[in-house]
Amino acid sequence: MNTFYEHHKSSIKFAYRCFDRILLNGLIQPFQQPERVIGFFNAYRNAERVTRNRLRDIAQQFHNWVKNRCEKWGAPILDAPEGRRDDFVDSYFRHAKSDAVVAILKAREPARIMIAIGSEDRWHLQLAQRWIVQYNFYINDQRWGRMFVRVCPYLPFSARVCLNQHHWLANRMITEGIDFKQCSNAFLQCSHPPKLQELADSLTPHDLLSCGQKWLACLTPFFKDNERKQAGCQHRLFFSQVEYCNNLIFHRRAALDQLGDRLLDSNRTIGQPNKITLIFGRKVTKQYKGKLQTVIEDIDLPNSVIRSHYGNGFVKQYVRDHLCLRTEPATNNVTDYGVKKAVENLPQLREKMAAVCDNYLNVQQDILETFIDRGQLRKLTEPTVLPSGKRIPGLKLDNPRQLALMHALVRFAHIAAGSTFTTAELYQHVLAALQIPADQYSLASLRYDLGKLRAKHLVEKIPLSRRYRLFPEGYSICVVFLKLFERIYSPLAAGILRPYRPDSKLQQHKQTQLDRLYQKVLNDLDQLLGAVGLKAA
């Protein structure tokens, strides 16, 4: 469990984590090679020639089949709306029967299809990207509940399957006799949270495969049963987009609102590349081409969303349904986590994405809270006398060289490397923090400043090596020194000595929470000086 949960567990009713939206690509692998398509027709379809007209006939047969089937199913064929499709089909699920297609949306979308090039007796097959009409079958599955399958009517019948583990868990809990309340896409009440988590972790690749292949076999009538078994004409499933959510359900909305405001104020720097390295567990190298940033978005939810990007995905954190704090890594390419795309790798993917959740929350707790008692802080500021009698100065809250060194030490790139580093690796980052050239701060000066931290047992030198190691206590001390100086002393001093005049004209409700709190401290100080008879300068 992460430190964030441990620190706030008194305010949390229960917690659970599970996959949320799982989008799978379905491919019939033998049909990804044109020569094997020709071989299939030779072996199973009386050596029929695959021409442009034959491919069009196959697609037209699929269109006709859908029209005939929709009458039998009682499922209407509708044009896809411009807005959210899930909201559009809500009404069709209200009284849906089990294992039934409830609605079919058709839309013109891109797909890779087989095309034939040539004329008369000379035809060449190849795969090409085309915009075509595809069918989205919205289904109420017996085990998975609400889902949809998108099928391309043209060879090689590429498909997509969209599942949501929350619906799967709801059905499992009903079977297990567990009382729960599901609001939107989260469980806000549960009579047996440990069993809920046990069920969430019990999801296997077979659960994905059995559901996906059942419906894909039903929705690709071109193939006969013997062709599926003998020629391998069935879809293999691969991860396309995956969301995994960590949900903390709070007792009271007020406690979550207060924490949510603090998260928005304090976590704006969580998306720096060095922190991304720790969160996602993947080193950012010169070859990396993806996005690295954190943004705070307002997407018409009651609360803003913190989104940190990495590779082909991101982690987002937001409050939903008033009581749930959700931390949700999502990716369009699971290889960013070092996991292969086949659904058989579901256990490894769950482990990787759960680690991302824990890392994200651990980093946030480091930013939100660090506790040091006054005795320890006083000892840190006092000089250290070594057994040899050498006297080493203590740590000072306002020493720019020391603060610059601490900035370099808490870079998560070092933590991802086992919290080890060399002075040469630190040097450029310290210079950047100080904003001075190398001739004004030498490498020897850096070693001298690092020696102060070694004397306090916050850093150690690894034996028989030029590398140093930052202890966990050392990391926390560096964070608290930086926070005290940058978030408390510096803002208050700036507000007192050099206030920004337009701020005084800004209406209070338009100020950020931090600005309001800083101003309140300044106002209270003015009142205190007046009460004790001192005149403010």
Protein backbone atom coordinates (compact mmCIF):
# COMPACT_ATOMS: atom_id res chain seq x y z
CA MET A 1 0.00 0.00 0.00
CA ASN A 2 1.22 3.54 -0.73
CA THR A 3 2.09 6.24 1.82
CA PHE A 4 -0.74 8.46 0.60
CA TYR A 5 -3.33 5.91 1.73
CA GLU A 6 -1.52 5.23 5.00
CA HIS A 7 -1.51 8.92 5.86
CA HIS A 8 -5.16 9.63 4.97
CA LYS A 9 -6.75 6.26 5.84
CA SER A 10 -8.64 7.72 8.81
CA SER A 11 -10.68 9.76 6.30
CA ILE A 12 -11.10 6.88 3.83
CA LYS A 13 -14.04 4.48 4.06
CA PHE A 14 -12.49 1.86 1.78
CA ALA A 15 -10.24 1.57 -1.25
CA TYR A 16 -10.14 -0.64 -4.29
CA ARG A 17 -8.38 -0.73 -7.64
CA CYS A 18 -9.32 -2.40 -10.88
CA PHE A 19 -9.19 -2.05 -14.63
CA ASP A 20 -11.68 0.47 -15.93
CA ARG A 21 -12.03 0.75 -19.70
CA ILE A 22 -10.27 -1.98 -21.69
CA LEU A 23 -10.18 -1.50 -25.46
CA LEU A 24 -8.96 -4.53 -27.43
CA ASN A 25 -7.98 -4.82 -31.08
CA GLY A 26 -9.16 -8.02 -32.76
CA LEU A 27 -7.13 -9.38 -35.68
CA ILE A 28 -7.41 -12.57 -37.72
CA GLN A 29 -3.68 -13.08 -38.05
CA PRO A 30 -3.63 -15.40 -41.13
CA PHE A 31 -5.53 -12.71 -43.04
CA GLN A 32 -2.89 -10.06 -42.36
CA GLN A 33 -0.83 -11.57 -45.21
CA PRO A 34 -2.33 -11.35 -48.73
CA GLU A 35 -0.78 -14.66 -49.85
CA ARG A 36 -2.49 -16.48 -46.98
CA VAL A 37 -5.85 -14.96 -47.97
CA ILE A 38 -5.38 -16.44 -51.45
CA GLY A 39 -4.38 -19.74 -49.84
CA PHE A 40 -7.57 -19.75 -47.77
CA PHE A 41 -9.79 -19.28 -50.82
CA ASN A 42 -7.87 -22.00 -52.66
CA ALA A 43 -8.24 -24.49 -49.80
CA TYR A 44 -11.71 -23.72 -48.44
CA ARG A 45 -13.62 -21.80 -51.12
CA ASN A 46 -13.02 -23.96 -54.22
CA ALA A 47 -10.03 -21.95 -55.44
CA GLU A 48 -12.23 -18.91 -55.95
CA ARG A 49 -10.34 -15.94 -57.41
CA VAL A 50 -10.13 -12.93 -55.05
CA THR A 51 -11.00 -9.92 -57.20
CA ARG A 52 -12.17 -6.41 -56.44
CA ASN A 53 -15.77 -7.44 -57.07
CA ARG A 54 -15.45 -10.48 -54.79
CA LEU A 55 -14.22 -8.30 -51.93
CA ARG A 56 -17.13 -5.91 -52.48
CA ASP A 57 -19.56 -8.84 -52.46
CA ILE A 58 -18.23 -10.03 -49.12
CA ALA A 59 -18.78 -6.58 -47.61
CA GLN A 60 -22.26 -6.34 -49.12
CA GLN A 61 -23.15 -9.74 -47.66
CA PHE A 62 -22.14 -8.44 -44.25
CA HIS A 63 -24.31 -5.32 -44.66
CA ASN A 64 -27.28 -7.50 -45.63
CA TRP A 65 -26.66 -9.87 -42.74
CA VAL A 66 -26.69 -6.98 -40.24
CA LYS A 67 -29.97 -5.65 -41.63
CA ASN A 68 -31.62 -9.07 -41.36
CA ARG A 69 -30.22 -9.79 -37.90
CA CYS A 70 -31.23 -6.48 -36.37
CA GLU A 71 -34.89 -7.39 -36.95
CA LYS A 72 -34.44 -10.73 -35.20
CA TRP A 73 -32.58 -9.13 -32.29
CA GLY A 74 -34.98 -6.20 -32.03
CA ALA A 75 -31.96 -3.90 -32.09
CA PRO A 76 -32.24 -0.72 -34.22
CA ILE A 77 -29.52 0.39 -36.62
CA LEU A 78 -28.78 4.05 -35.88
CA ASP A 79 -26.41 6.67 -37.22
CA ALA A 80 -23.70 7.43 -34.68
CA PRO A 81 -24.21 10.80 -32.94
CA GLU A 82 -21.60 13.54 -32.82
CA GLY A 83 -21.50 13.50 -29.00
CA ARG A 84 -20.79 10.68 -26.53
CA ARG A 85 -22.06 7.40 -27.88
CA ASP A 86 -22.34 5.82 -24.43
CA ASP A 87 -24.84 8.47 -23.36
CA PHE A 88 -26.73 8.10 -26.62
CA VAL A 89 -27.37 4.35 -26.12
CA ASP A 90 -28.18 4.56 -22.37
CA SER A 91 -31.91 4.15 -22.88
CA TYR A 92 -31.46 0.93 -24.89
CA PHE A 93 -29.73 -0.78 -21.93
CA ARG A 94 -32.44 -0.07 -19.34
CA HIS A 95 -34.50 -3.21 -19.97
CA ALA A 96 -31.96 -5.21 -21.96
CA LYS A 97 -31.98 -8.99 -21.80
CA SER A 98 -28.85 -10.99 -20.97
CA ASP A 99 -26.49 -11.80 -23.87
CA ALA A 100 -28.38 -9.55 -26.26
CA VAL A 101 -27.45 -6.91 -28.83
CA VAL A 102 -29.44 -3.82 -27.80
CA ALA A 103 -28.44 -1.28 -30.49
CA ILE A 104 -26.21 -0.93 -33.54
CA LEU A 105 -24.50 2.34 -34.44
CA LYS A 106 -23.02 2.73 -37.89
CA ALA A 107 -20.39 5.33 -38.64
CA ARG A 108 -17.83 6.14 -41.29
CA GLU A 109 -14.45 5.43 -39.67
CA PRO A 110 -10.91 4.52 -40.80
CA ALA A 111 -9.89 0.85 -41.04
CA ARG A 112 -7.26 -1.35 -42.66
CA ILE A 113 -8.95 -3.43 -45.34
CA MET A 114 -7.87 -5.82 -48.05
CA ILE A 115 -7.99 -4.32 -51.54
CA ALA A 116 -7.45 -5.95 -54.95
CA ILE A 117 -5.38 -4.21 -57.62
CA GLY A 118 -5.31 -5.39 -61.23
CA SER A 119 -7.71 -6.52 -63.94
CA GLU A 120 -9.06 -9.65 -65.62
CA ASP A 121 -6.92 -12.61 -64.52
CA ARG A 122 -4.12 -10.71 -62.78
CA TRP A 123 -4.98 -9.49 -59.28
CA HIS A 124 -2.71 -8.36 -56.48
CA LEU A 125 -3.93 -8.12 -52.87
CA GLN A 126 -2.66 -5.67 -50.30
CA LEU A 127 -3.77 -4.00 -47.06
CA ALA A 128 -4.68 -0.30 -47.21
CA GLN A 129 -6.18 2.33 -44.93
CA ARG A 130 -9.64 3.43 -46.02
CA TRP A 131 -12.63 5.33 -44.60
CA ILE A 132 -15.59 2.94 -44.60
CA VAL A 133 -18.90 2.36 -42.81
CA GLN A 134 -18.34 0.22 -39.71
CA TYR A 135 -20.84 -1.23 -37.25
CA ASN A 136 -20.71 -0.78 -33.47
CA PHE A 137 -22.74 -3.49 -31.73
CA TYR A 138 -23.79 -2.47 -28.20
CA ILE A 139 -24.27 -5.61 -26.13
CA ASN A 140 -25.50 -6.60 -22.67
CA ASP A 141 -23.20 -9.55 -21.96
CA GLN A 142 -24.13 -12.12 -19.32
CA ARG A 143 -20.80 -11.79 -17.48
CA TRP A 144 -19.43 -8.43 -18.61
CA GLY A 145 -22.65 -6.45 -18.71
CA ARG A 146 -22.51 -3.39 -20.91
CA MET A 147 -19.94 -3.54 -23.73
CA PHE A 148 -19.58 -2.91 -27.43
CA VAL A 149 -17.92 -4.60 -30.40
CA ARG A 150 -16.98 -2.73 -33.56
CA VAL A 151 -16.64 -4.85 -36.70
CA CYS A 152 -15.34 -3.85 -40.11
CA PRO A 153 -17.45 -5.46 -42.88
CA TYR A 154 -14.47 -5.80 -45.24
CA LEU A 155 -11.76 -8.45 -45.16
CA PRO A 156 -9.79 -9.07 -42.97
CA PHE A 157 -12.67 -8.12 -40.60
CA SER A 158 -10.65 -6.06 -38.13
CA ALA A 159 -12.54 -5.47 -34.90
CA ARG A 160 -12.50 -3.71 -31.56
CA VAL A 161 -13.92 -4.93 -28.27
CA CYS A 162 -14.59 -2.47 -25.43
CA LEU A 163 -15.03 -3.86 -21.90
CA ASN A 164 -15.28 -2.27 -18.47
CA GLN A 165 -14.29 -4.19 -15.35
CA HIS A 166 -16.67 -2.17 -13.18
CA HIS A 167 -19.62 -3.81 -14.96
CA TRP A 168 -17.93 -7.22 -14.65
CA LEU A 169 -17.37 -6.65 -10.91
CA ALA A 170 -20.98 -5.59 -10.38
CA ASN A 171 -22.19 -8.91 -11.83
CA ARG A 172 -19.67 -10.87 -9.77
CA MET A 173 -20.69 -9.15 -6.54
CA ILE A 174 -24.36 -9.86 -7.24
CA THR A 175 -23.43 -13.53 -7.66
CA GLU A 176 -21.40 -13.47 -4.42
CA GLY A 177 -24.25 -11.82 -2.50
CA ILE A 178 -22.26 -8.64 -1.71
CA ASP A 179 -24.25 -5.46 -1.13
CA PHE A 180 -22.91 -2.45 -3.01
CA LYS A 181 -23.88 0.89 -4.47
CA GLN A 182 -22.62 1.73 -7.94
CA CYS A 183 -22.78 5.40 -8.88
CA SER A 184 -21.83 6.18 -12.45
CA ASN A 185 -18.56 4.28 -12.93
CA ALA A 186 -17.45 3.67 -9.33
CA PHE A 187 -18.52 1.74 -6.24
CA LEU A 188 -19.27 4.16 -3.40
CA GLN A 189 -20.50 1.53 -0.94
CA CYS A 190 -19.53 -2.10 -0.44
CA SER A 191 -20.38 -4.47 2.39
CA HIS A 192 -17.17 -6.49 1.89
CA PRO A 193 -14.31 -4.35 0.46
CA PRO A 194 -11.61 -7.07 0.80
CA LYS A 195 -13.75 -9.41 -1.29
CA LEU A 196 -14.27 -6.65 -3.85
CA GLN A 197 -10.50 -6.31 -4.25
CA GLU A 198 -10.09 -10.08 -4.39
CA LEU A 199 -12.62 -10.25 -7.22
CA ALA A 200 -10.94 -7.36 -9.04
CA ASP A 201 -7.57 -9.14 -8.90
CA SER A 202 -9.10 -12.42 -10.08
CA LEU A 203 -9.67 -11.12 -13.64
CA THR A 204 -7.71 -13.36 -16.03
CA PRO A 205 -6.84 -13.26 -19.74
CA HIS A 206 -9.37 -16.07 -20.23
CA ASP A 207 -12.15 -13.74 -19.06
CA LEU A 208 -11.21 -11.29 -21.82
CA LEU A 209 -10.70 -13.93 -24.48
CA SER A 210 -13.87 -15.92 -23.80
CA CYS A 211 -16.05 -12.81 -24.02
CA GLY A 212 -14.31 -11.23 -27.00
CA GLN A 213 -14.08 -14.37 -29.13
CA LYS A 214 -17.67 -15.38 -28.34
CA TRP A 215 -19.07 -12.17 -29.79
CA LEU A 216 -16.56 -11.84 -32.62
CA ALA A 217 -17.44 -15.35 -33.80
CA CYS A 218 -21.11 -14.36 -33.70
CA LEU A 219 -20.52 -11.09 -35.57
CA THR A 220 -18.32 -12.42 -38.40
CA PRO A 221 -20.66 -14.85 -40.20
CA PHE A 222 -18.37 -15.12 -43.24
CA PHE A 223 -16.45 -18.01 -41.65
CA LYS A 224 -17.74 -21.53 -41.07
CA ASP A 225 -17.02 -23.48 -37.89
CA ASN A 226 -14.56 -25.85 -39.57
CA GLU A 227 -12.69 -22.85 -41.06
CA ARG A 228 -12.32 -21.30 -37.64
CA LYS A 229 -10.90 -24.51 -36.19
CA GLN A 230 -8.74 -25.72 -39.07
CA ALA A 231 -7.57 -22.49 -40.70
CA GLY A 232 -7.28 -20.41 -37.53
CA CYS A 233 -9.89 -17.93 -38.77
CA GLN A 234 -10.67 -16.43 -35.39
CA HIS A 235 -9.66 -13.14 -33.89
CA ARG A 236 -6.66 -12.77 -31.63
CA LEU A 237 -7.01 -9.97 -29.11
CA PHE A 238 -4.44 -7.29 -28.29
CA PHE A 239 -4.49 -4.34 -25.92
CA SER A 240 -5.26 -1.08 -27.70
CA GLN A 241 -6.19 1.25 -24.84
CA VAL A 242 -6.24 0.41 -21.15
CA GLU A 243 -7.30 2.37 -18.06
CA TYR A 244 -6.54 1.16 -14.53
CA CYS A 245 -8.00 3.06 -11.61
CA ASN A 246 -7.13 3.37 -7.93
CA ASN A 247 -10.25 4.50 -6.03
CA LEU A 248 -10.23 5.99 -2.53
CA ILE A 249 -13.76 6.31 -1.16
CA PHE A 250 -13.90 8.96 1.58
CA HIS A 251 -16.32 9.11 4.53
CA ARG A 252 -17.11 12.79 4.07
CA ARG A 253 -17.24 15.00 1.03
CA ALA A 254 -15.78 17.97 2.94
CA ALA A 255 -12.57 16.07 3.73
CA LEU A 256 -12.13 15.10 0.08
CA ASP A 257 -12.86 18.63 -1.17
CA GLN A 258 -10.23 20.04 1.17
CA LEU A 259 -7.67 17.45 0.07
CA GLY A 260 -8.56 18.00 -3.59
CA ASP A 261 -7.80 21.72 -3.30
CA ARG A 262 -4.42 20.95 -1.75
CA LEU A 263 -3.60 18.49 -4.51
CA LEU A 264 -4.35 21.08 -7.19
CA ASP A 265 -2.22 23.71 -5.43
CA SER A 266 0.73 21.44 -4.61
CA ASN A 267 1.11 19.05 -7.52
CA ARG A 268 1.63 21.32 -10.50
CA THR A 269 5.25 20.15 -10.85
CA ILE A 270 4.57 16.42 -10.71
CA GLY A 271 4.95 16.08 -14.47
CA GLN A 272 8.59 17.13 -14.70
CA PRO A 273 10.64 14.54 -16.63
CA ASN A 274 12.64 13.50 -13.56
CA LYS A 275 9.43 12.75 -11.65
CA ILE A 276 7.86 11.00 -14.65
CA THR A 277 10.86 8.65 -14.58
CA LEU A 278 10.00 7.48 -11.09
CA ILE A 279 6.23 7.32 -11.57
CA PHE A 280 6.22 5.22 -14.72
CA GLY A 281 9.37 3.25 -13.93
CA ARG A 282 10.81 3.88 -17.39
CA LYS A 283 13.96 5.90 -17.96
CA VAL A 284 13.59 9.01 -20.12
CA THR A 285 16.47 8.97 -22.63
CA LYS A 286 17.49 11.15 -25.56
CA GLN A 287 15.56 8.81 -27.85
CA TYR A 288 12.27 9.58 -26.07
CA LYS A 289 9.88 11.47 -28.38
CA GLY A 290 6.65 11.61 -26.35
CA LYS A 291 5.02 14.34 -24.30
CA LEU A 292 6.26 15.12 -20.78
CA GLN A 293 4.12 17.59 -18.90
CA THR A 294 1.42 18.00 -16.29
CA VAL A 295 -1.73 19.98 -17.02
CA ILE A 296 -4.72 20.87 -14.88
CA GLU A 297 -7.86 20.59 -16.98
CA ASP A 298 -11.44 21.70 -16.57
CA ILE A 299 -13.50 19.18 -18.56
CA ASP A 300 -16.99 19.97 -17.30
CA LEU A 301 -16.58 17.90 -14.13
CA PRO A 302 -17.33 19.22 -10.63
CA ASN A 303 -13.58 19.21 -9.96
CA SER A 304 -10.54 19.88 -12.14
CA VAL A 305 -8.39 17.01 -13.41
CA ILE A 306 -4.63 16.70 -12.83
CA ARG A 307 -3.14 14.97 -15.89
CA SER A 308 0.54 13.94 -16.17
CA HIS A 309 1.63 12.77 -19.62
CA TYR A 310 4.22 10.15 -20.49
CA GLY A 311 4.77 8.28 -23.75
CA ASN A 312 1.47 7.26 -25.33
CA GLY A 313 -0.47 7.69 -22.11
CA PHE A 314 -0.91 9.64 -18.92
CA VAL A 315 -2.00 9.50 -15.30
CA LYS A 316 -5.04 11.53 -14.39
CA GLN A 317 -6.41 12.23 -10.94
CA TYR A 318 -9.81 13.69 -10.16
CA VAL A 319 -12.76 13.59 -7.78
CA ARG A 320 -15.83 11.78 -9.05
CA ASP A 321 -19.26 11.24 -7.51
CA HIS A 322 -18.35 13.57 -4.60
CA LEU A 323 -16.68 10.86 -2.48
CA CYS A 324 -14.19 9.09 -4.74
CA LEU A 325 -10.62 10.25 -5.40
CA ARG A 326 -9.54 8.39 -8.51
CA THR A 327 -5.96 8.01 -9.71
CA GLU A 328 -6.02 6.48 -13.19
CA PRO A 329 -3.11 5.61 -15.46
CA ALA A 330 -4.18 5.13 -19.08
CA THR A 331 -2.22 4.23 -22.18
CA ASN A 332 -2.70 3.71 -25.90
CA ASN A 333 0.43 1.54 -26.09
CA VAL A 334 1.16 -0.89 -23.26
CA THR A 335 4.72 -1.36 -24.49
CA ASP A 336 5.47 1.96 -22.73
CA TYR A 337 5.34 -0.15 -19.55
CA GLY A 338 7.50 -2.92 -20.98
CA VAL A 339 4.47 -5.19 -21.53
CA LYS A 340 3.61 -6.96 -24.80
CA LYS A 341 0.22 -6.25 -26.41
CA ALA A 342 -1.32 -9.74 -26.36
CA VAL A 343 -4.09 -10.05 -23.74
CA GLU A 344 -2.27 -13.04 -22.25
CA ASN A 345 0.00 -10.44 -20.59
CA LEU A 346 -2.85 -9.08 -18.44
CA PRO A 347 -1.20 -10.04 -15.07
CA GLN A 348 2.03 -8.21 -15.94
CA LEU A 349 0.06 -5.18 -17.12
CA ARG A 350 -1.95 -5.10 -13.89
CA GLU A 351 1.27 -5.20 -11.85
CA LYS A 352 2.86 -2.38 -13.86
CA MET A 353 -0.17 -0.09 -13.75
CA ALA A 354 -0.73 -0.73 -10.02
CA ALA A 355 2.90 0.31 -9.45
CA VAL A 356 2.25 3.52 -11.40
CA CYS A 357 -0.70 4.29 -9.08
CA ASP A 358 1.43 3.68 -5.98
CA ASN A 359 4.35 5.74 -7.32
CA TYR A 360 2.07 8.63 -8.22
CA LEU A 361 0.44 8.69 -4.79
CA ASN A 362 3.78 8.25 -3.00
CA VAL A 363 5.21 11.26 -4.85
CA GLN A 364 2.15 13.32 -4.00
CA GLN A 365 2.37 12.46 -0.32
CA ASP A 366 6.01 13.51 -0.31
CA ILE A 367 4.89 16.86 -1.74
CA LEU A 368 1.86 17.26 0.53
CA GLU A 369 3.26 16.32 3.92
CA THR A 370 6.64 15.85 5.58
CA PHE A 371 6.79 15.72 9.38
CA ILE A 372 9.91 16.55 11.43
CA ASP A 373 9.80 17.33 15.12
CA ARG A 374 11.41 20.51 16.45
CA GLY A 375 14.24 18.70 18.19
CA GLN A 376 15.39 17.14 14.95
CA LEU A 377 15.18 20.43 13.07
CA ARG A 378 17.29 22.15 15.72
CA LYS A 379 19.93 19.42 15.52
CA LEU A 380 20.08 19.78 11.76
CA THR A 381 20.99 23.47 12.10
CA GLU A 382 23.70 22.80 14.70
CA PRO A 383 27.33 22.09 13.69
CA THR A 384 28.49 18.47 13.64
CA VAL A 385 31.72 17.51 15.38
CA LEU A 386 33.34 14.39 13.93
CA PRO A 387 35.32 11.90 16.09
CA SER A 388 38.48 13.44 14.63
CA GLY A 389 37.46 16.79 16.10
CA LYS A 390 36.65 18.34 12.72
CA ARG A 391 33.72 20.75 12.93
CA ILE A 392 31.24 20.74 10.03
CA PRO A 393 28.61 23.53 9.78
CA GLY A 394 24.92 22.65 10.11
CA LEU A 395 22.15 23.09 7.60
CA LYS A 396 20.57 26.52 7.09
CA LEU A 397 17.08 27.14 5.78
CA ASP A 398 18.10 30.14 3.68
CA ASN A 399 21.47 29.05 2.28
CA PRO A 400 21.18 29.29 -1.54
CA ARG A 401 23.99 26.78 -2.21
CA GLN A 402 22.42 24.26 0.13
CA LEU A 403 18.94 24.73 -1.36
CA ALA A 404 20.32 24.35 -4.88
CA LEU A 405 22.02 21.09 -3.85
CA MET A 406 18.74 19.86 -2.36
CA HIS A 407 16.93 20.72 -5.61
CA ALA A 408 19.39 18.49 -7.44
CA LEU A 409 19.14 15.67 -4.89
CA VAL A 410 15.34 15.31 -5.08
CA ARG A 411 15.39 14.84 -8.83
CA PHE A 412 13.53 11.60 -9.36
CA ALA A 413 15.95 10.52 -12.07
CA HIS A 414 18.43 9.73 -9.25
CA ILE A 415 15.78 7.87 -7.27
CA ALA A 416 14.91 5.76 -10.29
CA ALA A 417 18.62 4.81 -10.41
CA GLY A 418 18.45 3.41 -6.86
CA SER A 419 18.85 6.82 -5.20
CA THR A 420 22.52 6.82 -6.20
CA PHE A 421 24.49 9.54 -7.99
CA THR A 422 27.92 11.04 -8.50
CA THR A 423 28.95 14.60 -7.80
CA ALA A 424 29.52 15.07 -11.53
CA GLU A 425 25.89 14.09 -12.20
CA LEU A 426 24.68 16.63 -9.62
CA TYR A 427 26.97 19.47 -10.64
CA GLN A 428 25.13 20.82 -13.70
CA HIS A 429 21.76 20.65 -11.93
CA VAL A 430 23.11 22.61 -8.95
CA LEU A 431 24.55 25.26 -11.28
CA ALA A 432 21.18 25.50 -13.05
CA ALA A 433 19.39 25.98 -9.72
CA LEU A 434 21.88 28.67 -8.64
CA GLN A 435 21.83 30.29 -12.11
CA ILE A 436 25.55 31.00 -11.99
CA PRO A 437 28.49 29.92 -14.20
CA ALA A 438 30.89 27.14 -13.21
CA ASP A 439 33.71 29.56 -12.34
CA GLN A 440 31.62 30.91 -9.43
CA TYR A 441 30.82 27.51 -7.93
CA SER A 442 33.37 24.73 -8.32
CA LEU A 443 32.97 20.98 -8.04
CA ALA A 444 35.03 21.15 -4.84
CA SER A 445 32.44 23.54 -3.36
CA LEU A 446 29.73 21.04 -4.23
CA ARG A 447 31.61 18.28 -2.40
CA TYR A 448 31.98 20.59 0.62
CA ASP A 449 28.22 21.27 0.69
CA LEU A 450 27.48 17.58 0.22
CA GLY A 451 29.71 16.86 3.20
CA LYS A 452 27.25 18.76 5.45
CA LEU A 453 24.51 16.31 4.47
CA ARG A 454 26.83 13.35 4.99
CA ALA A 455 27.61 14.61 8.49
CA LYS A 456 23.88 14.56 9.30
CA HIS A 457 23.58 10.99 7.93
CA LEU A 458 21.24 12.10 5.18
CA VAL A 459 23.64 10.97 2.43
CA GLU A 460 26.28 8.23 2.41
CA LYS A 461 29.22 7.47 0.16
CA ILE A 462 29.06 3.95 -1.25
CA PRO A 463 32.25 2.04 -0.30
CA LEU A 464 34.75 1.40 -3.10
CA SER A 465 32.79 3.69 -5.39
CA ARG A 466 32.53 7.32 -6.47
CA ARG A 467 28.76 7.16 -6.07
CA TYR A 468 26.65 8.50 -3.21
CA ARG A 469 23.30 7.32 -1.94
CA LEU A 470 20.47 9.54 -0.66
CA PHE A 471 18.69 7.96 2.32
CA PRO A 472 14.86 8.09 2.49
CA GLU A 473 15.17 10.38 5.53
CA GLY A 474 17.52 12.58 3.53
CA TYR A 475 15.01 12.87 0.73
CA SER A 476 12.25 13.91 3.17
CA ILE A 477 14.52 16.47 4.86
CA CYS A 478 15.42 18.00 1.49
CA VAL A 479 11.74 18.25 0.57
CA VAL A 480 10.75 19.93 3.84
CA PHE A 481 13.62 22.47 3.62
CA LEU A 482 12.62 23.35 0.06
CA LYS A 483 8.96 23.62 0.99
CA LEU A 484 9.63 25.82 4.02
CA PHE A 485 11.77 28.22 2.02
CA GLU A 486 9.86 28.27 -1.29
CA ARG A 487 6.27 27.86 -0.08
CA ILE A 488 6.36 29.70 3.27
CA TYR A 489 9.28 32.11 3.83
CA SER A 490 9.75 33.40 0.28
CA PRO A 491 6.05 34.10 -0.54
CA LEU A 492 5.42 35.80 2.80
CA ALA A 493 8.56 37.91 2.50
CA ALA A 494 7.59 38.92 -1.04
CA GLY A 495 4.08 39.86 0.09
CA ILE A 496 5.43 42.02 2.92
CA LEU A 497 8.45 43.67 1.29
CA ARG A 498 7.35 43.96 -2.33
CA PRO A 499 3.62 43.35 -2.79
CA TYR A 500 2.22 43.29 -6.30
CA ARG A 501 -0.21 46.22 -6.37
CA PRO A 502 -2.78 44.82 -8.86
CA ASP A 503 -3.28 41.85 -6.50
CA SER A 504 -4.89 44.16 -3.95
CA LYS A 505 -7.62 45.04 -6.48
CA LEU A 506 -8.37 41.41 -7.35
CA GLN A 507 -11.64 40.17 -5.88
CA GLN A 508 -11.18 37.53 -3.21
CA HIS A 509 -13.24 34.82 -4.93
CA LYS A 510 -10.94 35.10 -7.98
CA GLN A 511 -7.79 34.50 -5.95
CA THR A 512 -6.33 31.01 -5.64
CA GLN A 513 -6.62 29.23 -2.32
CA LEU A 514 -2.91 29.72 -1.63
CA ASP A 515 -3.08 33.45 -2.36
CA ARG A 516 -6.03 33.81 0.01
CA LEU A 517 -4.19 31.94 2.76
CA TYR A 518 -0.99 33.94 2.27
CA GLN A 519 -2.97 37.20 2.44
CA LYS A 520 -4.75 36.01 5.57
CA VAL A 521 -1.38 35.39 7.25
CA LEU A 522 -0.21 38.91 6.33
CA ASN A 523 -3.44 40.47 7.62
CA ASP A 524 -3.17 38.55 10.89
CA LEU A 525 0.44 39.67 11.32
CA ASP A 526 -0.64 43.31 10.87
CA GLN A 527 -3.32 42.82 13.54
CA LEU A 528 -0.81 41.17 15.88
CA LEU A 529 1.67 44.06 15.51
CA GLY A 530 -1.09 46.55 16.23
CA ALA A 531 -2.28 44.60 19.29
CA VAL A 532 1.19 44.53 20.89
CA GLY A 533 1.81 48.21 20.13
CA LEU A 534 4.32 47.82 17.30
CA LYS A 535 4.08 49.89 14.15
CA ALA A 536 4.49 47.99 10.89
CA ALA A 537 7.21 49.34 8.65
